[in-house]
PDB file of N, CA and C in Angstrom:
ATOM      1  N   MET A   1      -9.080 -24.463   6.594  1.00  0.00           N
ATOM      2  CA  MET A   1      -9.593 -22.820   6.609  1.00  0.00           C
ATOM      3  C   MET A   1     -10.008 -22.926   8.203  1.00  0.00           C
ATOM      4  N   PRO A   2      -9.605 -21.430   8.616  1.00  0.00           N
ATOM      5  CA  PRO A   2     -10.036 -20.726  10.136  1.00  0.00           C
ATOM      6  C   PRO A   2     -11.187 -20.263  10.095  1.00  0.00           C
ATOM      7  N   GLU A   3     -11.737 -20.649  11.400  1.00  0.00           N
ATOM      8  CA  GLU A   3     -12.569 -20.092  11.889  1.00  0.00           C
ATOM      9  C   GLU A   3     -12.983 -18.462  11.353  1.00  0.00           C
ATOM     10  N   PRO A   4     -13.903 -17.774  11.015  1.00  0.00           N
ATOM     11  CA  PRO A   4     -14.017 -16.529  10.773  1.00  0.00           C
ATOM     12  C   PRO A   4     -14.237 -15.532  12.391  1.00  0.00           C
ATOM     13  N   VAL A   5     -13.393 -14.762  12.296  1.00  0.00           N
ATOM     14  CA  VAL A   5     -13.630 -13.415  12.991  1.00  0.00           C
ATOM     15  C   VAL A   5     -14.335 -12.911  13.167  1.00  0.00           C
ATOM     16  N   ALA A   6     -15.032 -11.966  14.586  1.00  0.00           N
ATOM     17  CA  ALA A   6     -16.164 -11.557  14.684  1.00  0.00           C
ATOM     18  C   ALA A   6     -15.261  -9.532  14.583  1.00  0.00           C
ATOM     19  N   VAL A   7     -15.875  -8.685  14.126  1.00  0.00           N
ATOM     20  CA  VAL A   7     -15.606  -7.601  13.812  1.00  0.00           C
ATOM     21  C   VAL A   7     -14.731  -7.129  15.047  1.00  0.00           C
ATOM     22  N   ASP A   8     -15.305  -7.193  16.217  1.00  0.00           N
ATOM     23  CA  ASP A   8     -15.171  -6.483  17.323  1.00  0.00           C
ATOM     24  C   ASP A   8     -13.749  -7.678  17.888  1.00  0.00           C
ATOM     25  N   SER A   9     -13.587  -8.626  17.294  1.00  0.00           N
ATOM     26  CA  SER A   9     -12.432  -8.917  17.862  1.00  0.00           C
ATOM     27  C   SER A   9     -10.974  -8.642  16.903  1.00  0.00           C
ATOM     28  N   ILE A  10     -11.257  -8.116  15.981  1.00  0.00           N
ATOM     29  CA  ILE A  10     -10.133  -7.806  15.203  1.00  0.00           C
ATOM     30  C   ILE A  10      -8.982  -6.306  16.170  1.00  0.00           C
ATOM     31  N   ASP A  11      -7.718  -7.062  16.468  1.00  0.00           N
ATOM     32  CA  ASP A  11      -6.973  -6.205  16.892  1.00  0.00           C
ATOM     33  C   ASP A  11      -5.468  -6.280  16.572  1.00  0.00           C
ATOM     34  N   ASP A  12      -4.609  -5.865  17.027  1.00  0.00           N
ATOM     35  CA  ASP A  12      -3.464  -6.104  16.672  1.00  0.00           C
ATOM     36  C   ASP A  12      -2.433  -6.808  15.898  1.00  0.00           C
ATOM     37  N   ALA A  13      -3.306  -8.416  16.960  1.00  0.00           N
ATOM     38  CA  ALA A  13      -2.714  -9.418  15.905  1.00  0.00           C
ATOM     39  C   ALA A  13      -3.245 -10.213  15.011  1.00  0.00           C
ATOM     40  N   PHE A  14      -4.358  -9.082  14.324  1.00  0.00           N
ATOM     41  CA  PHE A  14      -5.367  -9.644  13.257  1.00  0.00           C
ATOM     42  C   PHE A  14      -4.115  -9.664  11.565  1.00  0.00           C
ATOM     43  N   ALA A  15      -4.302 -10.138  10.693  1.00  0.00           N
ATOM     44  CA  ALA A  15      -3.670  -9.788   9.524  1.00  0.00           C
ATOM     45  C   ALA A  15      -4.845 -10.085   8.490  1.00  0.00           C
ATOM     46  N   PRO A  16      -5.231  -8.901   8.435  1.00  0.00           N
ATOM     47  CA  PRO A  16      -6.100  -8.588   7.145  1.00  0.00           C
ATOM     48  C   PRO A  16      -5.874  -8.916   5.588  1.00  0.00           C
ATOM     49  N   ALA A  17      -6.503  -9.508   4.950  1.00  0.00           N
ATOM     50  CA  ALA A  17      -6.572  -9.880   3.837  1.00  0.00           C
ATOM     51  C   ALA A  17      -7.392  -9.315   2.801  1.00  0.00           C
ATOM     52  N   ARG A  18      -7.366  -8.982   1.735  1.00  0.00           N
ATOM     53  CA  ARG A  18      -8.833  -8.262   1.071  1.00  0.00           C
ATOM     54  C   ARG A  18      -9.232  -9.540   0.406  1.00  0.00           C
ATOM     55  N   GLY A  19     -10.970  -9.256   0.365  1.00  0.00           N
ATOM     56  CA  GLY A  19     -11.714 -10.444   0.205  1.00  0.00           C
ATOM     57  C   GLY A  19     -12.084 -10.906  -1.662  1.00  0.00           C
ATOM     58  N   GLY A  20     -11.636 -12.163  -1.833  1.00  0.00           N
ATOM     59  CA  GLY A  20     -11.542 -11.927  -3.257  1.00  0.00           C
ATOM     60  C   GLY A  20     -12.919 -11.661  -4.217  1.00  0.00           C
ATOM     61  N   HIS A  21     -13.803 -11.544  -3.532  1.00  0.00           N
ATOM     62  CA  HIS A  21     -14.975 -11.005  -4.610  1.00  0.00           C
ATOM     63  C   HIS A  21     -15.371  -9.563  -4.717  1.00  0.00           C
ATOM     64  N   VAL A  22     -13.982  -9.059  -3.801  1.00  0.00           N
ATOM     65  CA  VAL A  22     -13.873  -7.459  -4.064  1.00  0.00           C
ATOM     66  C   VAL A  22     -12.619  -6.902  -4.888  1.00  0.00           C
ATOM     67  N   HIS A  23     -13.285  -6.426  -6.084  1.00  0.00           N
ATOM     68  CA  HIS A  23     -12.524  -5.656  -7.042  1.00  0.00           C
ATOM     69  C   HIS A  23     -11.913  -4.024  -7.211  1.00  0.00           C
ATOM     70  N   THR A  24     -10.998  -3.842  -6.922  1.00  0.00           N
ATOM     71  CA  THR A  24     -10.198  -2.444  -6.831  1.00  0.00           C
ATOM     72  C   THR A  24      -9.687  -1.797  -7.905  1.00  0.00           C
ATOM     73  N   VAL A  25     -10.062  -0.450  -8.031  1.00  0.00           N
ATOM     74  CA  VAL A  25      -9.600   0.579  -8.907  1.00  0.00           C
ATOM     75  C   VAL A  25      -9.183   1.530  -8.040  1.00  0.00           C
ATOM     76  N   VAL A  26      -8.171   2.246  -8.409  1.00  0.00           N
ATOM     77  CA  VAL A  26      -7.289   3.368  -7.706  1.00  0.00           C
ATOM     78  C   VAL A  26      -7.212   4.397  -8.291  1.00  0.00           C
ATOM     79  N   LEU A  27      -7.956   5.293  -8.649  1.00  0.00           N
ATOM     80  CA  LEU A  27      -8.477   7.181  -9.214  1.00  0.00           C
ATOM     81  C   LEU A  27      -7.492   8.019  -8.241  1.00  0.00           C
ATOM     82  N   ASP A  28      -6.725   8.699  -8.776  1.00  0.00           N
ATOM     83  CA  ASP A  28      -6.002   9.885  -7.987  1.00  0.00           C
ATOM     84  C   ASP A  28      -5.767   9.316  -6.455  1.00  0.00           C
ATOM     85  N   GLY A  29      -5.456   8.095  -6.480  1.00  0.00           N
ATOM     86  CA  GLY A  29      -4.873   7.774  -4.831  1.00  0.00           C
ATOM     87  C   GLY A  29      -6.242   7.452  -3.973  1.00  0.00           C
ATOM     88  N   GLU A  30      -7.317   7.369  -4.823  1.00  0.00           N
ATOM     89  CA  GLU A  30      -8.752   6.802  -4.067  1.00  0.00           C
ATOM     90  C   GLU A  30      -9.194   5.687  -4.435  1.00  0.00           C
ATOM     91  N   GLY A  31      -9.138   4.542  -3.709  1.00  0.00           N
ATOM     92  CA  GLY A  31      -9.828   3.192  -3.750  1.00  0.00           C
ATOM     93  C   GLY A  31     -11.610   3.550  -4.071  1.00  0.00           C
ATOM     94  N   VAL A  32     -11.925   2.312  -5.304  1.00  0.00           N
ATOM     95  CA  VAL A  32     -13.197   2.387  -5.567  1.00  0.00           C
ATOM     96  C   VAL A  32     -12.972   0.699  -5.530  1.00  0.00           C
ATOM     97  N   LEU A  33     -13.725   0.115  -4.725  1.00  0.00           N
ATOM     98  CA  LEU A  33     -14.061  -1.233  -4.330  1.00  0.00           C
ATOM     99  C   LEU A  33     -15.579  -1.617  -4.938  1.00  0.00           C
ATOM    100  N   LEU A  34     -15.493  -2.947  -5.243  1.00  0.00           N
ATOM    101  CA  LEU A  34     -16.619  -3.345  -5.497  1.00  0.00           C
ATOM    102  C   LEU A  34     -16.896  -4.844  -5.253  1.00  0.00           C
ATOM    103  N   ASP A  35     -17.571  -4.662  -4.337  1.00  0.00           N
ATOM    104  CA  ASP A  35     -18.419  -5.926  -3.671  1.00  0.00           C
ATOM    105  C   ASP A  35     -19.003  -6.567  -4.487  1.00  0.00           C
ATOM    106  N   GLU A  36     -18.481  -7.739  -5.448  1.00  0.00           N
ATOM    107  CA  GLU A  36     -19.630  -8.532  -5.751  1.00  0.00           C
ATOM    108  C   GLU A  36     -20.416  -9.379  -5.680  1.00  0.00           C
ATOM    109  N   HIS A  37     -20.504  -9.726  -4.445  1.00  0.00           N
ATOM    110  CA  HIS A  37     -21.430 -10.046  -3.525  1.00  0.00           C
ATOM    111  C   HIS A  37     -22.788  -9.661  -2.913  1.00  0.00           C
ATOM    112  N   GLU A  38     -22.402  -8.323  -2.701  1.00  0.00           N
ATOM    113  CA  GLU A  38     -23.424  -7.094  -2.269  1.00  0.00           C
ATOM    114  C   GLU A  38     -23.913  -6.392  -3.371  1.00  0.00           C
ATOM    115  N   ASN A  39     -22.855  -6.293  -4.326  1.00  0.00           N
ATOM    116  CA  ASN A  39     -23.276  -5.570  -5.664  1.00  0.00           C
ATOM    117  C   ASN A  39     -23.284  -4.305  -5.347  1.00  0.00           C
ATOM    118  N   ARG A  40     -21.933  -3.793  -4.146  1.00  0.00           N
ATOM    119  CA  ARG A  40     -22.289  -2.301  -3.863  1.00  0.00           C
ATOM    120  C   ARG A  40     -20.541  -1.592  -4.466  1.00  0.00           C
ATOM    121  N   LEU A  41     -20.409  -0.301  -3.975  1.00  0.00           N
ATOM    122  CA  LEU A  41     -19.317  -0.059  -4.522  1.00  0.00           C
ATOM    123  C   LEU A  41     -18.870   0.569  -2.921  1.00  0.00           C
ATOM    124  N   HIS A  42     -17.703   0.736  -2.836  1.00  0.00           N
ATOM    125  CA  HIS A  42     -17.040   1.557  -1.858  1.00  0.00           C
ATOM    126  C   HIS A  42     -15.901   2.379  -1.948  1.00  0.00           C
ATOM    127  N   LEU A  43     -16.089   3.796  -1.296  1.00  0.00           N
ATOM    128  CA  LEU A  43     -14.732   4.628  -1.636  1.00  0.00           C
ATOM    129  C   LEU A  43     -13.924   4.567  -0.942  1.00  0.00           C
ATOM    130  N   LEU A  44     -12.954   4.633  -0.724  1.00  0.00           N
ATOM    131  CA  LEU A  44     -11.840   4.798   0.165  1.00  0.00           C
ATOM    132  C   LEU A  44     -11.235   6.321   0.215  1.00  0.00           C
ATOM    133  N   ASN A  45     -10.768   6.937   1.477  1.00  0.00           N
ATOM    134  CA  ASN A  45      -9.726   8.032   0.976  1.00  0.00           C
ATOM    135  C   ASN A  45      -8.824   7.580   0.811  1.00  0.00           C
ATOM    136  N   VAL A  46      -7.481   8.093   0.606  1.00  0.00           N
ATOM    137  CA  VAL A  46      -5.957   8.061   0.256  1.00  0.00           C
ATOM    138  C   VAL A  46      -5.391   7.070   1.422  1.00  0.00           C
ATOM    139  N   THR A  47      -5.351   7.335   2.834  1.00  0.00           N
ATOM    140  CA  THR A  47      -5.218   6.409   4.037  1.00  0.00           C
ATOM    141  C   THR A  47      -5.802   4.711   3.681  1.00  0.00           C
ATOM    142  N   ALA A  48      -6.886   5.090   3.542  1.00  0.00           N
ATOM    143  CA  ALA A  48      -7.573   3.753   3.545  1.00  0.00           C
ATOM    144  C   ALA A  48      -7.304   2.872   2.267  1.00  0.00           C
ATOM    145  N   THR A  49      -6.826   3.799   1.210  1.00  0.00           N
ATOM    146  CA  THR A  49      -6.547   2.539   0.165  1.00  0.00           C
ATOM    147  C   THR A  49      -4.995   2.272   0.095  1.00  0.00           C
ATOM    148  N   LEU A  50      -4.137   2.879   1.155  1.00  0.00           N
ATOM    149  CA  LEU A  50      -2.739   2.624   1.004  1.00  0.00           C
ATOM    150  C   LEU A  50      -2.836   1.347   2.103  1.00  0.00           C
ATOM    151  N   LEU A  51      -3.683   1.110   3.160  1.00  0.00           N
ATOM    152  CA  LEU A  51      -3.854   0.148   3.748  1.00  0.00           C
ATOM    153  C   LEU A  51      -4.452  -0.754   3.346  1.00  0.00           C
ATOM    154  N   TRP A  52      -5.400  -0.534   2.677  1.00  0.00           N
ATOM    155  CA  TRP A  52      -6.466  -1.770   1.787  1.00  0.00           C
ATOM    156  C   TRP A  52      -5.174  -2.461   1.067  1.00  0.00           C
ATOM    157  N   GLN A  53      -4.324  -1.737   0.129  1.00  0.00           N
ATOM    158  CA  GLN A  53      -3.255  -2.292  -0.655  1.00  0.00           C
ATOM    159  C   GLN A  53      -2.330  -2.845  -0.056  1.00  0.00           C
ATOM    160  N   LEU A  54      -1.869  -2.875   1.525  1.00  0.00           N
ATOM    161  CA  LEU A  54      -1.165  -3.597   1.811  1.00  0.00           C
ATOM    162  C   LEU A  54      -1.470  -4.757   2.868  1.00  0.00           C
ATOM    163  N   TYR A  55      -2.970  -4.700   2.515  1.00  0.00           N
ATOM    164  CA  TYR A  55      -3.365  -6.071   3.532  1.00  0.00           C
ATOM    165  C   TYR A  55      -3.018  -7.221   2.817  1.00  0.00           C
ATOM    166  N   ASP A  56      -2.347  -8.552   2.953  1.00  0.00           N
ATOM    167  CA  ASP A  56      -2.021  -9.439   2.350  1.00  0.00           C
ATOM    168  C   ASP A  56      -2.057 -10.683   3.248  1.00  0.00           C
ATOM    169  N   GLY A  57      -2.775 -10.397   4.257  1.00  0.00           N
ATOM    170  CA  GLY A  57      -3.070 -11.991   5.132  1.00  0.00           C
ATOM    171  C   GLY A  57      -2.165 -12.451   6.001  1.00  0.00           C
ATOM    172  N   ALA A  58      -0.980 -11.994   5.633  1.00  0.00           N
ATOM    173  CA  ALA A  58       0.650 -12.082   6.503  1.00  0.00           C
ATOM    174  C   ALA A  58       0.770 -11.248   7.681  1.00  0.00           C
ATOM    175  N   THR A  59       0.693  -9.968   7.168  1.00  0.00           N
ATOM    176  CA  THR A  59       1.373  -8.835   7.865  1.00  0.00           C
ATOM    177  C   THR A  59       0.171  -8.603   8.937  1.00  0.00           C
ATOM    178  N   THR A  60       0.245  -8.461  10.187  1.00  0.00           N
ATOM    179  CA  THR A  60      -0.299  -8.069  11.530  1.00  0.00           C
ATOM    180  C   THR A  60      -0.622  -6.542  11.549  1.00  0.00           C
ATOM    181  N   LEU A  61      -1.839  -5.979  11.904  1.00  0.00           N
ATOM    182  CA  LEU A  61      -1.930  -4.736  12.064  1.00  0.00           C
ATOM    183  C   LEU A  61      -0.744  -4.166  13.029  1.00  0.00           C
ATOM    184  N   ALA A  62      -0.127  -5.065  13.823  1.00  0.00           N
ATOM    185  CA  ALA A  62       1.013  -4.543  14.917  1.00  0.00           C
ATOM    186  C   ALA A  62       2.021  -4.463  13.804  1.00  0.00           C
ATOM    187  N   ASP A  63       2.500  -5.266  12.577  1.00  0.00           N
ATOM    188  CA  ASP A  63       3.628  -4.948  11.655  1.00  0.00           C
ATOM    189  C   ASP A  63       3.084  -3.917  11.098  1.00  0.00           C
ATOM    190  N   LEU A  64       2.139  -3.824  10.733  1.00  0.00           N
ATOM    191  CA  LEU A  64       1.942  -2.634   9.785  1.00  0.00           C
ATOM    192  C   LEU A  64       2.228  -1.071  10.343  1.00  0.00           C
ATOM    193  N   ALA A  65       1.807  -1.436  11.783  1.00  0.00           N
ATOM    194  CA  ALA A  65       1.676   0.070  12.841  1.00  0.00           C
ATOM    195  C   ALA A  65       3.454   0.372  12.986  1.00  0.00           C
ATOM    196  N   ASP A  66       4.138  -0.739  13.130  1.00  0.00           N
ATOM    197  CA  ASP A  66       5.828  -0.508  13.151  1.00  0.00           C
ATOM    198  C   ASP A  66       6.249   0.314  11.725  1.00  0.00           C
ATOM    199  N   ASP A  67       5.673  -0.790  10.815  1.00  0.00           N
ATOM    200  CA  ASP A  67       6.082  -0.197   9.669  1.00  0.00           C
ATOM    201  C   ASP A  67       5.722   1.374   9.302  1.00  0.00           C
ATOM    202  N   LEU A  68       4.939   1.147   9.438  1.00  0.00           N
ATOM    203  CA  LEU A  68       4.019   2.718   8.756  1.00  0.00           C
ATOM    204  C   LEU A  68       4.444   4.119   9.817  1.00  0.00           C
ATOM    205  N   SER A  69       4.788   3.560  11.120  1.00  0.00           N
ATOM    206  CA  SER A  69       5.293   4.900  12.088  1.00  0.00           C
ATOM    207  C   SER A  69       6.700   5.063  12.122  1.00  0.00           C
ATOM    208  N   ALA A  70       7.442   4.113  11.287  1.00  0.00           N
ATOM    209  CA  ALA A  70       8.926   3.965  10.985  1.00  0.00           C
ATOM    210  C   ALA A  70       8.874   5.087  10.012  1.00  0.00           C
ATOM    211  N   GLU A  71       8.155   4.755   9.011  1.00  0.00           N
ATOM    212  CA  GLU A  71       8.230   5.406   7.352  1.00  0.00           C
ATOM    213  C   GLU A  71       7.638   6.669   7.694  1.00  0.00           C
ATOM    214  N   LEU A  72       6.162   6.803   8.293  1.00  0.00           N
ATOM    215  CA  LEU A  72       5.921   8.033   8.344  1.00  0.00           C
ATOM    216  C   LEU A  72       5.881   9.284   9.805  1.00  0.00           C
ATOM    217  N   GLY A  73       7.035   8.326  10.251  1.00  0.00           N
ATOM    218  CA  GLY A  73       7.066   9.245  11.806  1.00  0.00           C
ATOM    219  C   GLY A  73       6.218   9.322  12.524  1.00  0.00           C
ATOM    220  N   GLY A  74       4.986   8.700  12.531  1.00  0.00           N
ATOM    221  CA  GLY A  74       4.054   9.517  13.364  1.00  0.00           C
ATOM    222  C   GLY A  74       4.141   8.071  14.672  1.00  0.00           C
ATOM    223  N   GLY A  75       3.465   8.599  15.475  1.00  0.00           N
ATOM    224  CA  GLY A  75       3.095   7.911  16.761  1.00  0.00           C
ATOM    225  C   GLY A  75       2.605   6.553  16.529  1.00  0.00           C
ATOM    226  N   ARG A  76       3.259   5.476  16.846  1.00  0.00           N
ATOM    227  CA  ARG A  76       2.804   4.076  16.640  1.00  0.00           C
ATOM    228  C   ARG A  76       1.416   3.798  16.861  1.00  0.00           C
ATOM    229  N   ALA A  77       1.125   4.014  18.502  1.00  0.00           N
ATOM    230  CA  ALA A  77      -0.238   3.897  19.204  1.00  0.00           C
ATOM    231  C   ALA A  77      -1.211   4.297  18.376  1.00  0.00           C
ATOM    232  N   THR A  78      -1.245   5.654  18.136  1.00  0.00           N
ATOM    233  CA  THR A  78      -2.130   6.016  17.028  1.00  0.00           C
ATOM    234  C   THR A  78      -2.515   5.718  16.021  1.00  0.00           C
ATOM    235  N   ILE A  79      -1.263   5.285  15.170  1.00  0.00           N
ATOM    236  CA  ILE A  79      -1.577   4.358  13.799  1.00  0.00           C
ATOM    237  C   ILE A  79      -2.021   3.218  14.153  1.00  0.00           C
ATOM    238  N   LEU A  80      -1.456   2.576  15.208  1.00  0.00           N
ATOM    239  CA  LEU A  80      -2.313   1.137  15.563  1.00  0.00           C
ATOM    240  C   LEU A  80      -3.847   1.252  15.420  1.00  0.00           C
ATOM    241  N   ALA A  81      -4.222   2.239  16.458  1.00  0.00           N
ATOM    242  CA  ALA A  81      -5.630   2.558  16.692  1.00  0.00           C
ATOM    243  C   ALA A  81      -6.244   2.962  15.457  1.00  0.00           C
ATOM    244  N   ASP A  82      -5.874   3.679  14.517  1.00  0.00           N
ATOM    245  CA  ASP A  82      -6.215   4.111  13.216  1.00  0.00           C
ATOM    246  C   ASP A  82      -6.889   2.332  12.298  1.00  0.00           C
ATOM    247  N   LEU A  83      -5.639   1.653  12.450  1.00  0.00           N
ATOM    248  CA  LEU A  83      -5.720   0.499  11.466  1.00  0.00           C
ATOM    249  C   LEU A  83      -6.745  -0.307  11.983  1.00  0.00           C
ATOM    250  N   VAL A  84      -7.154  -0.630  13.257  1.00  0.00           N
ATOM    251  CA  VAL A  84      -8.047  -1.063  13.805  1.00  0.00           C
ATOM    252  C   VAL A  84      -9.104  -0.982  13.184  1.00  0.00           C
ATOM    253  N   THR A  85      -9.606   0.645  13.744  1.00  0.00           N
ATOM    254  CA  THR A  85     -10.850   1.304  13.465  1.00  0.00           C
ATOM    255  C   THR A  85     -10.972   0.924  11.789  1.00  0.00           C
ATOM    256  N   ILE A  86     -10.402   1.288  11.080  1.00  0.00           N
ATOM    257  CA  ILE A  86     -10.673   1.091   9.694  1.00  0.00           C
ATOM    258  C   ILE A  86     -10.859  -0.462   9.362  1.00  0.00           C
ATOM    259  N   SER A  87      -9.437  -1.085   9.954  1.00  0.00           N
ATOM    260  CA  SER A  87      -9.988  -2.880   9.327  1.00  0.00           C
ATOM    261  C   SER A  87     -11.469  -3.335  10.071  1.00  0.00           C
ATOM    262  N   ARG A  88     -11.579  -2.831  11.278  1.00  0.00           N
ATOM    263  CA  ARG A  88     -13.177  -3.300  11.738  1.00  0.00           C
ATOM    264  C   ARG A  88     -13.940  -2.593  10.727  1.00  0.00           C
ATOM    265  N   HIS A  89     -14.144  -1.588  10.737  1.00  0.00           N
ATOM    266  CA  HIS A  89     -15.065  -0.893   9.550  1.00  0.00           C
ATOM    267  C   HIS A  89     -15.349  -1.707   8.237  1.00  0.00           C
ATOM    268  N   LEU A  90     -13.595  -1.804   7.202  1.00  0.00           N
ATOM    269  CA  LEU A  90     -13.978  -2.656   5.963  1.00  0.00           C
ATOM    270  C   LEU A  90     -14.805  -3.999   6.323  1.00  0.00           C
ATOM    271  N   GLY A  91     -14.225  -4.835   7.639  1.00  0.00           N
ATOM    272  CA  GLY A  91     -14.544  -6.072   8.222  1.00  0.00           C
ATOM    273  C   GLY A  91     -16.146  -6.129   7.815  1.00  0.00           C
ATOM    274  N   SER A  92     -16.548  -5.055   8.672  1.00  0.00           N
ATOM    275  CA  SER A  92     -18.417  -5.120   8.818  1.00  0.00           C
ATOM    276  C   SER A  92     -18.912  -4.738   7.591  1.00  0.00           C
ATOM    277  N   GLU A  93     -18.069  -4.120   7.078  1.00  0.00           N
ATOM    278  CA  GLU A  93     -18.970  -4.237   5.624  1.00  0.00           C
ATOM    279  C   GLU A  93     -18.773  -5.576   4.456  1.00  0.00           C
ATOM    280  N   GLY A  94     -17.892  -6.635   5.079  1.00  0.00           N
ATOM    281  CA  GLY A  94     -17.801  -7.758   4.060  1.00  0.00           C
ATOM    282  C   GLY A  94     -16.459  -7.952   3.249  1.00  0.00           C
ATOM    283  N   LEU A  95     -15.784  -6.871   3.444  1.00  0.00           N
ATOM    284  CA  LEU A  95     -14.798  -6.744   2.341  1.00  0.00           C
ATOM    285  C   LEU A  95     -13.428  -7.259   3.093  1.00  0.00           C
ATOM    286  N   LEU A  96     -13.066  -7.959   3.675  1.00  0.00           N
ATOM    287  CA  LEU A  96     -12.183  -8.502   4.466  1.00  0.00           C
ATOM    288  C   LEU A  96     -12.429  -9.883   4.480  1.00  0.00           C
ATOM    289  N   GLU A  97     -11.382 -10.899   3.719  1.00  0.00           N
ATOM    290  CA  GLU A  97     -11.548 -12.442   4.383  1.00  0.00           C
ATOM    291  C   GLU A  97     -11.754 -13.065   5.380  1.00  0.00           C
ATOM    292  N   GLY A  98     -12.251 -13.871   6.186  1.00  0.00           N
ATOM    293  CA  GLY A  98     -12.156 -14.488   7.233  1.00  0.00           C
ATOM    294  C   GLY A  98     -12.862 -13.441   8.244  1.00  0.00           C
ATOM    295  N   VAL A  99     -13.461 -12.756   7.982  1.00  0.00           N
ATOM    296  CA  VAL A  99     -14.129 -11.745   9.253  1.00  0.00           C
ATOM    297  C   VAL A  99     -15.902 -11.907   8.655  1.00  0.00           C
ATOM    298  N   THR A 100     -16.336 -12.206   9.734  1.00  0.00           N
ATOM    299  CA  THR A 100     -18.114 -12.072  10.240  1.00  0.00           C
ATOM    300  C   THR A 100     -18.565 -10.794   9.952  1.00  0.00           C
ATOM    301  N   PRO A 101     -19.126 -10.331   8.787  1.00  0.00           N
ATOM    302  CA  PRO A 101     -19.529  -9.112   8.556  1.00  0.00           C
ATOM    303  C   PRO A 101     -20.758  -8.759   9.319  1.00  0.00           C
ATOM    304  N   GLU A 102     -20.883  -7.590  10.047  1.00  0.00           N
ATOM    305  CA  GLU A 102     -22.291  -6.900  10.714  1.00  0.00           C
ATOM    306  C   GLU A 102     -23.379  -7.034  10.018  1.00  0.00           C
ATOM    307  N   PRO A 103     -24.358  -7.851  10.351  1.00  0.00           N
ATOM    308  CA  PRO A 103     -25.571  -7.645   9.508  1.00  0.00           C
ATOM    309  C   PRO A 103     -26.063  -6.356   9.119  1.00  0.00           C
ATOM    310  N   GLY A 104     -25.943  -5.964   7.540  1.00  0.00           N
ATOM    311  CA  GLY A 104     -25.969  -4.335   7.260  1.00  0.00           C
ATOM    312  C   GLY A 104     -25.231  -3.586   7.215  1.00  0.00           C
ATOM    313  N   GLY A 105     -24.123  -4.362   7.774  1.00  0.00           N
ATOM    314  CA  GLY A 105     -22.534  -3.644   7.644  1.00  0.00           C
ATOM    315  C   GLY A 105     -22.875  -2.020   8.429  1.00  0.00           C
ATOM    316  N   GLU A 106     -21.658  -1.294   8.512  1.00  0.00           N
ATOM    317  CA  GLU A 106     -21.910  -0.054   9.184  1.00  0.00           C
ATOM    318  C   GLU A 106     -22.515   0.472   7.908  1.00  0.00           C
ATOM    319  N   GLU A 107     -23.190   1.855   8.713  1.00  0.00           N
ATOM    320  CA  GLU A 107     -23.468   2.789   7.750  1.00  0.00           C
ATOM    321  C   GLU A 107     -22.694   4.358   8.500  1.00  0.00           C
TER     322      GLU A 107
END
């Protein structure tokens, strides 16, 4: 098993995977995540929910940015920056496999 990565080291080469301890329900396009380890709920907006569903542990953020910019017609650099930001936030909350969450998570 690979060593966990720190939240601030998440970059375009990172391939995020949803935590096995996190259960997802999608309502009206928004995700509700239940973190069983912390017994906490997290609400994701439509964009973050889409990304969450794409996190398969094999596709890097760079590849996701390529795919999304081609599909949506947006600027790749902006999309990649948003992917990194969202992934770091989810990692800091302890929701991603292989990421060491920040103590207390982000507020």
